[in-house]
Amino acid sequence: MVNIKKKRRNPSITTSSMSDIGFLLLIFIMLISLMNQRYEEKINYSESKALERTQAEANFEIWVQKNGIISADGVQLDSLGLERAIVTAIAKDPSVRIHLIADKDTPYKYVNSVVGVLQSLQHRVVSFVVKEK
């Protein structure tokens, strides 16, 4: 009778796939953080003494630059395009709050043109965004 001894191997965990998993997790986190980016124009905010805080998630932001350029969601709009964008936002969520954000040096006629579009749509929930003192 031949006695054959089998060598026992120590169990091991392969770690070569760990770097792949880490890399995929890093890419996933980077993509998720990019999706939460908010569009913003470079403006000087107006100031106010009385403030009311609103929720940032359920807002439709209209940006008015001091040269009269109107934009929403990173897209420059004319009056008709602005009206369509507002109607689309209201259709998605009827309780949406419109935030009007204008540079403090913006002439009133540009802000008034946006307010005129909102009045023609009879939208009454509008906030003028200002800088907190």
Protein backbone atom coordinates (compact mmCIF):
# COMPACT_ATOMS: atom_id res chain seq x y z
CA MET A 1 0.00 0.00 0.00
CA VAL A 2 1.35 3.28 -1.10
CA ASN A 3 0.74 6.18 1.13
CA ILE A 4 0.38 9.40 -0.89
CA LYS A 5 0.39 12.57 1.06
CA LYS A 6 -1.48 15.46 -0.44
CA LYS A 7 -0.09 18.86 0.18
CA ARG A 8 -2.65 21.23 1.55
CA ARG A 9 -2.66 24.65 0.04
CA ASN A 10 -3.41 27.62 2.19
CA PRO A 11 -6.59 29.36 1.05
CA SER A 12 -5.94 32.71 -0.59
CA ILE A 13 -8.11 35.54 -1.78
CA THR A 14 -7.22 37.07 -5.08
CA THR A 15 -7.00 40.81 -4.79
CA SER A 16 -6.42 41.59 -8.45
CA SER A 17 -10.12 42.37 -9.00
CA MET A 18 -10.25 44.70 -5.97
CA SER A 19 -8.57 47.50 -7.90
CA ASP A 20 -11.16 47.12 -10.68
CA ILE A 21 -14.00 47.37 -8.19
CA GLY A 22 -12.43 50.45 -6.57
CA PHE A 23 -11.98 52.09 -9.96
CA LEU A 24 -15.62 51.41 -10.93
CA LEU A 25 -16.84 52.83 -7.62
CA LEU A 26 -14.76 55.96 -8.18
CA ILE A 27 -16.25 56.46 -11.64
CA PHE A 28 -19.77 55.91 -10.28
CA ILE A 29 -19.29 58.50 -7.52
CA MET A 30 -17.86 61.04 -9.97
CA LEU A 31 -20.82 60.62 -12.34
CA ILE A 32 -23.37 60.96 -9.56
CA SER A 33 -21.73 64.13 -8.26
CA LEU A 34 -21.79 65.66 -11.76
CA MET A 35 -25.51 65.00 -12.10
CA ASN A 36 -26.24 67.14 -9.04
CA GLN A 37 -24.52 70.22 -10.43
CA ARG A 38 -26.70 73.32 -10.51
CA TYR A 39 -26.49 75.78 -13.38
CA GLU A 40 -25.41 79.25 -12.27
CA GLU A 41 -24.56 82.54 -13.95
CA LYS A 42 -21.84 84.84 -12.64
CA ILE A 43 -23.80 87.79 -11.28
CA ASN A 44 -23.76 90.31 -8.45
CA TYR A 45 -26.79 89.50 -6.33
CA SER A 46 -29.12 92.24 -5.12
CA GLU A 47 -29.47 92.71 -1.39
CA SER A 48 -32.52 92.73 0.85
CA LYS A 49 -33.31 93.19 4.52
CA ALA A 50 -36.31 90.81 4.68
CA LEU A 51 -35.67 87.26 3.49
CA GLU A 52 -37.66 84.06 3.11
CA ARG A 53 -35.85 80.81 2.48
CA THR A 54 -37.23 78.46 -0.16
CA GLN A 55 -36.38 74.91 -1.12
CA ALA A 56 -33.76 74.71 -3.85
CA GLU A 57 -34.95 71.37 -5.27
CA ALA A 58 -38.41 72.39 -6.51
CA ASN A 59 -37.50 75.63 -8.27
CA PHE A 60 -37.30 76.79 -11.87
CA GLU A 61 -34.54 79.39 -12.05
CA ILE A 62 -34.57 82.22 -14.59
CA TRP A 63 -31.29 84.12 -14.85
CA VAL A 64 -31.18 87.72 -16.14
CA GLN A 65 -27.74 89.16 -16.83
CA LYS A 66 -27.04 92.89 -16.80
CA ASN A 67 -26.76 92.94 -20.59
CA GLY A 68 -30.33 91.54 -20.89
CA ILE A 69 -29.48 87.93 -21.71
CA ILE A 70 -32.13 85.64 -20.23
CA SER A 71 -31.32 82.00 -19.54
CA ALA A 72 -32.84 78.99 -17.81
CA ASP A 73 -31.14 75.62 -17.27
CA GLY A 74 -28.04 76.91 -19.08
CA VAL A 75 -29.90 77.81 -22.29
CA GLN A 76 -30.26 81.38 -23.56
CA LEU A 77 -33.90 82.19 -24.25
CA ASP A 78 -35.96 84.87 -25.92
CA SER A 79 -39.48 85.78 -24.68
CA LEU A 80 -41.18 82.97 -26.57
CA GLY A 81 -38.57 80.41 -25.50
CA LEU A 82 -38.89 81.58 -21.90
CA GLU A 83 -42.66 81.19 -22.06
CA ARG A 84 -42.30 77.64 -23.40
CA ALA A 85 -39.74 76.74 -20.72
CA ILE A 86 -42.00 78.05 -17.94
CA VAL A 87 -45.04 76.19 -19.31
CA THR A 88 -42.98 72.98 -19.52
CA ALA A 89 -41.74 73.40 -15.94
CA ILE A 90 -45.29 74.02 -14.67
CA ALA A 91 -46.61 71.03 -16.63
CA LYS A 92 -44.01 68.77 -14.97
CA ASP A 93 -44.74 70.10 -11.47
CA PRO A 94 -47.70 72.47 -10.95
CA SER A 95 -46.34 73.52 -7.54
CA VAL A 96 -43.02 74.67 -8.99
CA ARG A 97 -41.75 77.98 -7.66
CA ILE A 98 -40.19 80.35 -10.18
CA HIS A 99 -36.96 81.97 -9.01
CA LEU A 100 -35.99 85.14 -10.80
CA ILE A 101 -32.28 85.81 -10.37
CA ALA A 102 -30.95 89.07 -11.78
CA ASP A 103 -27.69 90.95 -11.50
CA LYS A 104 -28.05 93.97 -9.22
CA ASP A 105 -26.91 96.23 -12.08
CA THR A 106 -29.51 94.84 -14.51
CA PRO A 107 -31.73 97.56 -15.96
CA TYR A 108 -35.33 97.23 -14.81
CA LYS A 109 -36.67 96.82 -18.36
CA TYR A 110 -35.00 93.38 -18.66
CA VAL A 111 -36.41 92.14 -15.36
CA ASN A 112 -39.80 93.62 -16.27
CA SER A 113 -39.84 91.68 -19.55
CA VAL A 114 -39.53 88.42 -17.58
CA VAL A 115 -42.22 89.56 -15.14
CA GLY A 116 -44.43 90.38 -18.14
CA VAL A 117 -44.08 86.81 -19.43
CA LEU A 118 -44.98 85.47 -15.98
CA GLN A 119 -48.00 87.80 -15.81
CA SER A 120 -49.22 86.67 -19.23
CA LEU A 121 -49.05 83.07 -17.96
CA GLN A 122 -50.80 84.15 -14.75
CA HIS A 123 -48.15 82.48 -12.62
CA ARG A 124 -48.27 83.93 -9.13
CA VAL A 125 -45.59 82.00 -7.22
CA VAL A 126 -42.39 83.93 -8.02
CA SER A 127 -39.38 84.64 -5.83
CA PHE A 128 -36.77 87.26 -6.48
CA VAL A 129 -33.46 85.80 -5.33
CA VAL A 130 -31.20 88.15 -3.38
CA LYS A 131 -27.99 87.93 -1.37
CA GLU A 132 -28.27 87.52 2.37
CA LYS A 133 -26.65 90.29 4.42
